Amino acid sequence: MQRMMHTPSPHTDPAAFLRALYDTAVSRALPADVTAAYLPAPPKGRTLVLGAGKAGGAMAHAVDSLWPQHAPLSGLVVTRYDHVPPAYRAAPGRIEVVEAAHPVPDAAGRDAAARVVALTHGLTADDLVLCLISGGGSALLSLPAAGVSLEDKQAINKALLKSGAAIDEMNCVRKHLSAIKGGRLAAMCAPARVVTLLISDVPGDAPEVIASGPTVPDTTTCADALAILARYGIDVPPAARAGLESGAFETPKPGDPCFDGHTVHMIATPQESLEAAAAAARAAGIEAHVLSDEIEGESREVGKVHAALARAVARRGQPFAKPCVLLSGGETTVTVKAKGGRGGRATEFLLGCAVALQGEPGVYVLAADTDGIDGIEDNAGALVTPDTLARAAALGLKADEHLDRNDAYNFFKPLGDLVVPGPTFTNVNDFRALLIL
C-alpha cells in the first residue's frame, strides 16, 4: 500500500513541493509496500532466496517479513555498500544480505556471486528459488566468464560508464562477459522452479536488461557485444575477445528449456512512481503531465530539451497551461570528457537545464536518482530555481565552465541546492520534475 504523505503548496514553497513529489515517487517503489501480492505459496521442498541490486536488502527484508515463519527459508542477496535497511541490519533475518561495490564491481561482489552459484547445487524439483532482482545487480553480482579476470571486468566497466553508452548496451556487454548473468543463473537452478521479482530501473522495463537479466532469456548475442565495444572504442583483453568471437560466451535464448515453468513479476516500475507523483501534484491543486518514463540521451542535452519545453509552457501556455508540473523518467548518460569533475547524470541534467533556462521566471526543477545516490556521490540530485544562475554568479561560479568539466556537483553544493536523502533502498531510476508557475 502506498504511503500517504503531505504535499506542501507549490505556490508558497516550490522546493518543498518538488521534494515531496520525489519522496512520493520513491515511496511507490518501496519493497515493503509492493512485494506481498507477488509472493508464491511455499513449495513442497525448501525455498532458496537469491538476488542482487540496490533494492536487494529491502527486498530481502520484505520477503523475510512476509514469508510464513514455519516454512523453510534461506538464501543470499547482495546489495550496494550502505544499502541494507537499518532495521534488517540491526536484526538480520533468515536471508543473508552482503554488500559490494557499485557501479564498478569489486572482490566482494565476485565472492558473493560465487556463493550464489554454490547455493544452487543440490536443488530439486520440489524446491523454489525466489530471485530478487533490481537495478545495480549487474555490477554487484559480478562473476567473470572463464578466462576473464575481475580486473578485466573492472576496466571494461569503467570504460563503458565513461563512454556514454546506454544501459542496454552496457548490460549486453556485461552479460556476455559473465558466468552468472544473461539467464545463466536460471540454468544453474534446474530442476527447481524459479520465480523472479523485479524492480525496474531501465527504460522499457525489459527483464533481460534489469541487472543484466540473470534469470531470464537473453535476445542479444556475442556479436552485439562486440559491436558495442567497437562502437565506443573500448579495448578488451584477448581472452574476452576470443570468448565473444568464438561464441563460447553466448547466453541462453528464448525457448531454452532451462526457463520452463519459471515466472517473472515486475513489482515496481518507473511509470508507476511517476504516476504516483502526478497524483500527489493534482491533490495539491497542480495539473501534472507525465512526459515519458523512457527518456534517454546525453544528460545535458536532455536538460536543454526539458528547459525548452518549460519555457514554452511559461511563455505561451503550450503544449500545457500553467501552473503545472512536468514529470519524466528514464536513464540518461554522461560522456565524461574531463578529469576531476564530480557529479552524476541528475546534476549534469540540471546544469544543462539551468544554462538553457537562463533564470526563466516561475520555473523550478528537481532531478534526482530514486536510489538516493547520483552516480557515486552522496546526493541523489539537486534543485534549480529562477535565481540559480544569479546566486551562482555572486559566488563566482560559472555554469558553462562547470558543465565543460563534468563538475555539476561542485556547482550546486555551494548553493545549498543538493538533494541528499541518503540511500532509499529501492531504485526505479531517474526522477525529474519541472514546476511552471
Protein backbone atom coordinates (compact mmCIF):
# COMPACT_ATOMS: atom_id res chain seq x y z
CA MET A 1 0.00 0.00 0.00
CA GLN A 2 1.35 3.42 -0.98
CA ARG A 3 2.15 5.61 1.98
CA MET A 4 0.29 8.88 2.18
CA MET A 5 2.35 12.00 2.78
CA HIS A 6 1.70 15.70 2.96
CA THR A 7 2.48 17.70 -0.18
CA PRO A 8 3.36 21.37 0.50
CA SER A 9 1.80 24.13 -1.58
CA PRO A 10 3.75 24.70 -4.81
CA HIS A 11 2.95 28.41 -4.64
CA THR A 12 4.33 29.04 -1.16
CA ASP A 13 7.22 26.54 -1.16
CA PRO A 14 8.10 25.25 -4.65
CA ALA A 15 11.24 23.46 -3.49
CA ALA A 16 9.42 21.54 -0.75
CA PHE A 17 6.64 20.70 -3.22
CA LEU A 18 9.10 19.17 -5.68
CA ARG A 19 10.90 17.28 -2.93
CA ALA A 20 7.54 15.85 -1.78
CA LEU A 21 6.86 14.60 -5.32
CA TYR A 22 10.26 12.88 -5.34
CA ASP A 23 9.55 11.28 -1.95
CA THR A 24 6.17 10.08 -3.23
CA ALA A 25 7.78 8.51 -6.30
CA VAL A 26 10.32 6.70 -4.12
CA SER A 27 7.65 5.55 -1.68
CA ARG A 28 5.66 3.95 -4.51
CA ALA A 29 8.60 1.64 -5.21
CA LEU A 30 9.49 0.55 -1.68
CA PRO A 31 9.69 -3.26 -1.47
CA ALA A 32 7.85 -3.33 1.85
CA ASP A 33 4.79 -1.91 0.10
CA VAL A 34 4.78 -3.83 -3.19
CA THR A 35 6.04 -7.36 -2.54
CA ALA A 36 3.18 -9.21 -0.86
CA ALA A 37 0.93 -9.52 -3.92
CA TYR A 38 3.61 -11.35 -5.91
CA LEU A 39 4.85 -13.98 -3.46
CA PRO A 40 4.09 -17.59 -4.43
CA ALA A 41 2.93 -20.21 -1.97
CA PRO A 42 5.66 -22.12 -0.12
CA PRO A 43 6.76 -25.21 -2.09
CA LYS A 44 6.81 -28.86 -1.06
CA GLY A 45 10.57 -28.58 -0.59
CA ARG A 46 12.68 -25.66 0.54
CA THR A 47 12.73 -22.04 -0.57
CA LEU A 48 16.06 -20.50 -1.55
CA VAL A 49 16.23 -16.72 -1.97
CA LEU A 50 18.92 -15.34 -4.29
CA GLY A 51 19.26 -11.81 -5.54
CA ALA A 52 21.21 -8.68 -6.30
CA GLY A 53 20.61 -4.96 -6.68
CA LYS A 54 20.41 -1.65 -4.89
CA ALA A 55 17.00 -2.64 -3.57
CA GLY A 56 18.24 -6.11 -2.62
CA GLY A 57 18.45 -5.52 1.13
CA ALA A 58 14.96 -4.06 1.30
CA MET A 59 13.56 -6.81 -0.93
CA ALA A 60 15.10 -9.47 1.31
CA HIS A 61 13.68 -7.74 4.38
CA ALA A 62 10.22 -7.63 2.80
CA VAL A 63 10.26 -11.31 1.81
CA ASP A 64 11.57 -12.39 5.21
CA SER A 65 8.83 -10.42 6.95
CA LEU A 66 6.06 -11.79 4.72
CA TRP A 67 7.13 -15.44 4.40
CA PRO A 68 5.45 -17.85 6.83
CA GLN A 69 7.63 -18.46 9.87
CA HIS A 70 7.01 -22.21 9.74
CA ALA A 71 8.15 -22.51 6.10
CA PRO A 72 11.86 -23.15 5.39
CA LEU A 73 13.58 -20.03 4.05
CA SER A 74 17.24 -19.24 3.45
CA GLY A 75 19.40 -17.52 0.90
CA LEU A 76 21.85 -14.82 -0.06
CA VAL A 77 21.27 -11.38 -1.57
CA VAL A 78 23.97 -8.84 -2.48
CA THR A 79 23.38 -5.09 -2.38
CA ARG A 80 25.43 -1.92 -2.57
CA TYR A 81 27.53 -0.79 0.36
CA ASP A 82 25.36 1.04 2.93
CA HIS A 83 22.14 -0.14 1.26
CA VAL A 84 20.94 -2.58 3.90
CA PRO A 85 17.87 -1.11 5.65
CA PRO A 86 18.75 -0.19 9.27
CA ALA A 87 16.06 -2.46 10.71
CA TYR A 88 17.39 -5.51 8.85
CA ARG A 89 20.98 -4.63 9.68
CA ALA A 90 20.10 -4.39 13.37
CA ALA A 91 18.10 -7.62 13.38
CA PRO A 92 19.15 -9.85 10.44
CA GLY A 93 16.61 -12.42 9.33
CA ARG A 94 16.67 -15.74 7.52
CA ILE A 95 18.11 -14.28 4.29
CA GLU A 96 21.75 -13.23 4.43
CA VAL A 97 22.48 -9.84 2.89
CA VAL A 98 26.03 -8.91 1.91
CA GLU A 99 27.38 -5.69 0.43
CA ALA A 100 29.61 -4.97 -2.55
CA ALA A 101 30.69 -2.13 -4.82
CA HIS A 102 28.67 -0.30 -7.46
CA PRO A 103 28.97 0.82 -10.25
CA VAL A 104 32.41 -0.77 -10.65
CA PRO A 105 32.47 -4.36 -9.31
CA ASP A 106 34.85 -5.45 -6.59
CA ALA A 107 36.08 -8.68 -4.99
CA ALA A 108 33.20 -8.70 -2.52
CA GLY A 109 30.70 -8.84 -5.40
CA ARG A 110 32.69 -11.57 -7.15
CA ASP A 111 32.86 -13.64 -3.96
CA ALA A 112 29.12 -13.15 -3.33
CA ALA A 113 28.34 -14.30 -6.87
CA ALA A 114 30.45 -17.41 -6.34
CA ARG A 115 28.50 -18.14 -3.14
CA VAL A 116 25.21 -17.70 -5.02
CA VAL A 117 26.35 -20.27 -7.57
CA ALA A 118 27.32 -22.70 -4.78
CA LEU A 119 23.89 -22.36 -3.19
CA THR A 120 22.21 -23.61 -6.38
CA HIS A 121 23.92 -27.00 -6.07
CA GLY A 122 21.64 -29.82 -5.00
CA LEU A 123 18.31 -28.15 -5.76
CA THR A 124 15.40 -30.47 -6.57
CA ALA A 125 12.13 -30.22 -8.47
CA ASP A 126 10.34 -29.77 -5.14
CA ASP A 127 12.31 -26.60 -4.34
CA LEU A 128 11.55 -22.96 -5.11
CA VAL A 129 14.16 -20.35 -5.95
CA LEU A 130 12.91 -16.83 -5.32
CA CYS A 131 15.14 -14.36 -7.17
CA LEU A 132 15.06 -10.72 -6.07
CA ILE A 133 16.49 -8.55 -8.84
CA SER A 134 16.82 -4.77 -9.03
CA GLY A 135 18.96 -2.16 -10.73
CA GLY A 136 22.65 -2.27 -9.89
CA GLY A 137 22.67 -6.06 -9.76
CA SER A 138 24.84 -6.28 -12.85
CA ALA A 139 27.85 -4.77 -11.05
CA LEU A 140 27.01 -6.31 -7.68
CA LEU A 141 26.70 -9.88 -8.98
CA SER A 142 29.98 -10.00 -10.84
CA LEU A 143 31.34 -13.43 -11.73
CA PRO A 144 33.61 -13.13 -14.79
CA ALA A 145 33.39 -15.63 -17.63
CA ALA A 146 36.12 -18.25 -17.96
CA GLY A 147 39.47 -16.64 -18.68
CA VAL A 148 38.26 -13.13 -17.82
CA SER A 149 39.62 -11.61 -14.61
CA LEU A 150 37.87 -9.28 -12.19
CA GLU A 151 40.40 -6.62 -13.18
CA ASP A 152 39.42 -7.08 -16.83
CA LYS A 153 35.74 -6.59 -15.99
CA GLN A 154 36.52 -3.55 -13.84
CA ALA A 155 38.44 -1.89 -16.68
CA ILE A 156 35.71 -2.62 -19.24
CA ASN A 157 33.02 -1.43 -16.83
CA LYS A 158 34.81 1.86 -16.16
CA ALA A 159 35.25 2.45 -19.88
CA LEU A 160 31.57 1.76 -20.55
CA LEU A 161 30.48 4.13 -17.77
CA LYS A 162 32.56 6.95 -19.27
CA SER A 163 31.63 6.23 -22.87
CA GLY A 164 28.04 7.49 -22.87
CA ALA A 165 26.73 4.02 -23.73
CA ALA A 166 23.05 3.38 -22.94
CA ILE A 167 22.17 0.96 -20.13
CA ASP A 168 21.00 -1.78 -22.50
CA GLU A 169 24.31 -1.54 -24.38
CA MET A 170 26.35 -1.73 -21.19
CA ASN A 171 24.37 -4.70 -19.94
CA CYS A 172 24.68 -6.53 -23.25
CA VAL A 173 28.45 -6.45 -22.83
CA ARG A 174 28.31 -7.26 -19.12
CA LYS A 175 26.12 -10.34 -19.51
CA HIS A 176 28.29 -11.81 -22.26
CA LEU A 177 31.39 -11.46 -20.10
CA SER A 178 29.66 -13.03 -17.10
CA ALA A 179 29.33 -16.59 -15.83
CA ILE A 180 26.07 -15.86 -13.97
CA LYS A 181 24.06 -13.19 -15.81
CA GLY A 182 22.16 -13.33 -19.09
CA GLY A 183 19.93 -16.21 -17.93
CA ARG A 184 22.76 -18.37 -16.66
CA LEU A 185 21.62 -18.24 -13.02
CA ALA A 186 18.25 -19.70 -14.02
CA ALA A 187 20.02 -22.57 -15.77
CA MET A 188 22.03 -23.27 -12.61
CA CYS A 189 18.85 -23.57 -10.55
CA ALA A 190 17.43 -26.50 -12.54
CA PRO A 191 15.38 -28.53 -11.80
CA ALA A 192 13.93 -26.16 -9.17
CA ARG A 193 11.16 -23.73 -10.08
CA VAL A 194 12.32 -20.11 -10.34
CA VAL A 195 10.15 -17.09 -9.53
CA THR A 196 11.77 -13.72 -10.22
CA LEU A 197 10.61 -10.48 -8.62
CA LEU A 198 11.89 -7.41 -10.47
CA ILE A 199 12.11 -3.72 -9.63
CA SER A 200 12.74 -1.98 -12.94
CA ASP A 201 15.33 0.74 -13.37
CA VAL A 202 15.56 0.64 -17.16
CA PRO A 203 13.67 2.37 -19.99
CA GLY A 204 11.06 -0.02 -21.31
CA ASP A 205 11.19 -2.32 -18.25
CA ALA A 206 12.81 -5.15 -20.24
CA PRO A 207 13.52 -8.00 -17.76
CA GLU A 208 16.61 -9.05 -19.70
CA VAL A 209 18.17 -5.60 -19.23
CA ILE A 210 17.46 -5.18 -15.50
CA ALA A 211 20.68 -6.22 -13.71
CA SER A 212 21.68 -7.94 -16.97
CA GLY A 213 18.86 -10.49 -16.58
CA PRO A 214 20.43 -13.32 -14.57
CA THR A 215 17.23 -15.42 -14.59
CA VAL A 216 15.59 -14.58 -17.93
CA PRO A 217 16.30 -15.39 -21.60
CA ASP A 218 18.68 -13.11 -23.47
CA THR A 219 17.91 -11.95 -27.01
CA THR A 220 21.29 -10.25 -27.54
CA THR A 221 24.36 -12.02 -28.88
CA CYS A 222 28.12 -12.10 -28.59
CA ALA A 223 28.20 -10.29 -31.94
CA ASP A 224 26.07 -7.50 -30.44
CA ALA A 225 28.51 -7.15 -27.55
CA LEU A 226 31.47 -6.94 -29.92
CA ALA A 227 29.71 -4.29 -31.99
CA ILE A 228 29.05 -2.17 -28.88
CA LEU A 229 32.67 -2.43 -27.75
CA ALA A 230 33.81 -1.37 -31.24
CA ARG A 231 31.28 1.49 -31.37
CA TYR A 232 32.70 3.08 -28.24
CA GLY A 233 36.33 2.20 -28.91
CA ILE A 234 36.70 0.01 -25.84
CA ASP A 235 39.60 -2.44 -25.78
CA VAL A 236 39.11 -5.91 -24.35
CA PRO A 237 41.75 -8.45 -23.33
CA PRO A 238 42.48 -11.40 -25.64
CA ALA A 239 40.56 -13.99 -23.58
CA ALA A 240 37.42 -11.85 -23.54
CA ARG A 241 37.63 -11.15 -27.26
CA ALA A 242 38.22 -14.81 -28.04
CA GLY A 243 35.18 -15.86 -26.00
CA LEU A 244 32.98 -13.34 -27.78
CA GLU A 245 34.28 -14.00 -31.28
CA SER A 246 34.00 -17.78 -30.93
CA GLY A 247 30.55 -17.65 -29.38
CA ALA A 248 31.76 -19.51 -26.30
CA PHE A 249 30.27 -16.75 -24.14
CA GLU A 250 26.80 -17.00 -25.70
CA THR A 251 23.80 -16.75 -23.37
CA PRO A 252 20.64 -18.91 -23.10
CA LYS A 253 17.97 -17.72 -25.54
CA PRO A 254 14.14 -17.61 -25.51
CA GLY A 255 12.75 -21.11 -25.82
CA ASP A 256 15.61 -22.71 -23.92
CA PRO A 257 14.11 -25.45 -21.70
CA CYS A 258 16.07 -24.12 -18.70
CA PHE A 259 13.33 -21.47 -18.39
CA ASP A 260 10.39 -23.89 -18.47
CA GLY A 261 7.92 -23.29 -15.64
CA HIS A 262 9.63 -20.09 -14.49
CA THR A 263 7.67 -16.90 -13.80
CA VAL A 264 8.68 -13.24 -13.72
CA HIS A 265 6.83 -10.45 -11.88
CA MET A 266 7.52 -6.73 -12.26
CA ILE A 267 6.69 -5.42 -8.77
CA ALA A 268 7.67 -1.76 -9.22
CA THR A 269 8.33 0.38 -12.30
CA PRO A 270 9.36 3.96 -13.12
CA GLN A 271 5.96 4.67 -14.71
CA GLU A 272 4.12 3.71 -11.54
CA SER A 273 6.30 6.04 -9.50
CA LEU A 274 5.77 8.92 -11.94
CA GLU A 275 2.01 8.35 -11.83
CA ALA A 276 2.10 8.40 -8.01
CA ALA A 277 3.94 11.75 -8.10
CA ALA A 278 1.42 13.08 -10.62
CA ALA A 279 -1.46 12.09 -8.35
CA ALA A 280 0.20 13.87 -5.42
CA ALA A 281 0.63 17.03 -7.52
CA ARG A 282 -3.01 17.00 -8.59
CA ALA A 283 -4.09 16.52 -4.98
CA ALA A 284 -2.15 19.70 -4.18
CA GLY A 285 -4.04 21.57 -6.93
CA ILE A 286 -1.42 21.47 -9.70
CA GLU A 287 -2.06 19.70 -13.00
CA ALA A 288 0.63 17.13 -13.78
CA HIS A 289 1.80 15.71 -17.10
CA VAL A 290 3.94 12.56 -17.35
CA LEU A 291 6.11 13.09 -20.43
CA SER A 292 7.72 9.64 -20.52
CA ASP A 293 9.39 7.07 -18.31
CA GLU A 294 11.82 6.07 -21.09
CA ILE A 295 13.86 9.21 -21.78
CA GLU A 296 17.47 8.50 -22.68
CA GLY A 297 20.31 10.54 -24.15
CA GLU A 298 23.15 12.77 -23.03
CA SER A 299 22.15 14.29 -19.69
CA ARG A 300 22.97 17.90 -20.51
CA GLU A 301 21.16 17.71 -23.86
CA VAL A 302 18.09 16.16 -22.26
CA GLY A 303 18.24 19.05 -19.78
CA LYS A 304 18.18 21.57 -22.61
CA VAL A 305 15.16 19.89 -24.20
CA HIS A 306 13.26 19.91 -20.91
CA ALA A 307 14.15 23.59 -20.48
CA ALA A 308 12.80 24.42 -23.93
CA LEU A 309 9.52 22.71 -23.09
CA ALA A 310 9.28 24.53 -19.76
CA ARG A 311 9.87 27.88 -21.48
CA ALA A 312 7.12 27.16 -24.00
CA VAL A 313 4.70 26.45 -21.17
CA ALA A 314 5.81 29.51 -19.19
CA ARG A 315 5.70 31.96 -22.12
CA ARG A 316 2.98 30.66 -24.42
CA GLY A 317 0.95 28.15 -22.46
CA GLN A 318 1.91 25.44 -24.93
CA PRO A 319 1.64 22.49 -25.03
CA PHE A 320 0.28 22.72 -21.48
CA ALA A 321 -1.33 25.52 -19.49
CA LYS A 322 0.42 26.74 -16.37
CA PRO A 323 0.54 26.24 -13.48
CA CYS A 324 1.60 22.65 -13.99
CA VAL A 325 4.35 20.17 -13.29
CA LEU A 326 6.07 18.09 -15.97
CA LEU A 327 7.38 14.68 -14.91
CA SER A 328 9.79 12.35 -16.65
CA GLY A 329 11.96 9.32 -16.01
CA GLY A 330 14.33 7.02 -17.82
CA GLU A 331 18.10 6.80 -17.75
CA THR A 332 20.27 9.48 -19.28
CA THR A 333 24.02 9.15 -19.71
CA VAL A 334 27.10 11.30 -19.18
CA THR A 335 30.03 11.15 -21.56
CA VAL A 336 32.92 12.08 -19.28
CA LYS A 337 35.29 14.41 -21.14
CA ALA A 338 37.25 15.90 -18.23
CA LYS A 339 39.10 14.53 -15.23
CA GLY A 340 38.45 15.63 -11.68
CA GLY A 341 34.83 16.68 -12.08
CA ARG A 342 32.15 15.44 -9.71
CA GLY A 343 28.51 14.69 -10.35
CA GLY A 344 26.17 12.11 -11.83
CA ARG A 345 23.59 12.24 -14.56
CA ALA A 346 20.92 14.03 -12.47
CA THR A 347 23.12 17.00 -11.59
CA GLU A 348 24.51 17.20 -15.12
CA PHE A 349 20.94 17.22 -16.45
CA LEU A 350 20.12 20.08 -14.08
CA LEU A 351 23.15 22.13 -15.02
CA GLY A 352 22.32 21.79 -18.70
CA CYS A 353 18.73 22.72 -17.88
CA ALA A 354 19.77 25.78 -15.81
CA VAL A 355 22.02 27.09 -18.56
CA ALA A 356 19.20 26.77 -21.09
CA LEU A 357 16.56 28.30 -18.80
CA GLN A 358 18.67 31.39 -18.09
CA GLY A 359 16.65 32.21 -14.98
CA GLU A 360 13.20 31.81 -16.56
CA PRO A 361 10.73 33.28 -14.03
CA GLY A 362 8.44 30.83 -12.32
CA VAL A 363 10.30 27.66 -13.35
CA TYR A 364 11.64 25.27 -10.70
CA VAL A 365 13.31 21.94 -11.48
CA LEU A 366 14.27 18.93 -9.38
CA ALA A 367 16.09 15.90 -10.74
CA ALA A 368 17.29 13.02 -8.63
CA ASP A 369 18.03 9.33 -8.79
CA THR A 370 15.41 7.30 -6.96
CA ASP A 371 18.07 5.13 -5.29
CA GLY A 372 19.26 8.21 -3.40
CA ILE A 373 22.71 8.27 -5.00
CA ASP A 374 23.62 10.23 -8.13
CA GLY A 375 26.45 8.18 -9.61
CA ILE A 376 28.98 7.76 -6.80
CA GLU A 377 28.28 10.97 -4.88
CA ASP A 378 26.45 11.50 -1.59
CA ASN A 379 23.48 13.28 -3.20
CA ALA A 380 20.55 11.99 -5.22
CA GLY A 381 20.32 15.15 -7.33
CA ALA A 382 19.71 18.85 -6.93
CA LEU A 383 17.30 21.73 -7.48
CA VAL A 384 17.21 24.60 -9.98
CA THR A 385 15.32 27.81 -9.19
CA PRO A 386 14.81 31.03 -11.19
CA ASP A 387 17.70 32.65 -9.29
CA THR A 388 20.15 29.73 -9.50
CA LEU A 389 22.45 31.37 -12.05
CA ALA A 390 22.33 34.73 -10.26
CA ARG A 391 23.23 33.17 -6.92
CA ALA A 392 26.00 31.18 -8.58
CA ALA A 393 27.43 34.30 -10.22
CA ALA A 394 27.51 36.03 -6.84
CA LEU A 395 29.74 33.20 -5.62
CA GLY A 396 31.96 33.33 -8.69
CA LEU A 397 30.59 30.08 -10.12
CA LYS A 398 30.29 29.84 -13.90
CA ALA A 399 27.77 27.27 -15.05
CA ASP A 400 29.30 26.76 -18.50
CA GLU A 401 32.73 26.06 -17.04
CA HIS A 402 31.36 23.52 -14.57
CA LEU A 403 29.44 21.83 -17.37
CA ASP A 404 32.55 21.66 -19.56
CA ARG A 405 34.43 19.75 -16.87
CA ASN A 406 31.53 17.47 -15.81
CA ASP A 407 31.54 19.16 -12.39
CA ALA A 408 27.87 19.77 -11.65
CA TYR A 409 28.16 18.59 -8.03
CA ASN A 410 30.59 21.38 -7.18
CA PHE A 411 28.29 23.91 -8.83
CA PHE A 412 25.19 23.04 -6.79
CA LYS A 413 26.86 22.26 -3.46
CA PRO A 414 27.94 25.83 -2.61
CA LEU A 415 24.41 26.98 -3.45
CA GLY A 416 22.96 24.59 -0.87
CA ASP A 417 20.77 23.07 -3.57
CA LEU A 418 21.83 19.43 -3.47
CA VAL A 419 19.12 16.87 -2.67
CA VAL A 420 20.59 14.44 -0.13
CA PRO A 421 18.10 11.81 1.08
CA GLY A 422 20.67 9.04 1.59
CA PRO A 423 20.05 5.51 0.27
CA THR A 424 16.35 4.93 -0.34
CA PHE A 425 16.59 1.11 -0.55
CA THR A 426 14.83 0.98 -3.90
CA ASN A 427 15.64 2.01 -7.47
CA VAL A 428 13.33 2.98 -10.33
CA ASN A 429 15.92 5.23 -11.95
CA ASP A 430 15.79 8.93 -12.86
CA PHE A 431 13.09 11.22 -11.50
CA ARG A 432 12.64 14.69 -13.00
CA ALA A 433 10.02 17.30 -12.14
CA LEU A 434 9.65 20.76 -13.69
CA LEU A 435 7.23 23.10 -11.94
CA ILE A 436 5.97 26.04 -14.03
CA LEU A 437 4.02 28.67 -12.08
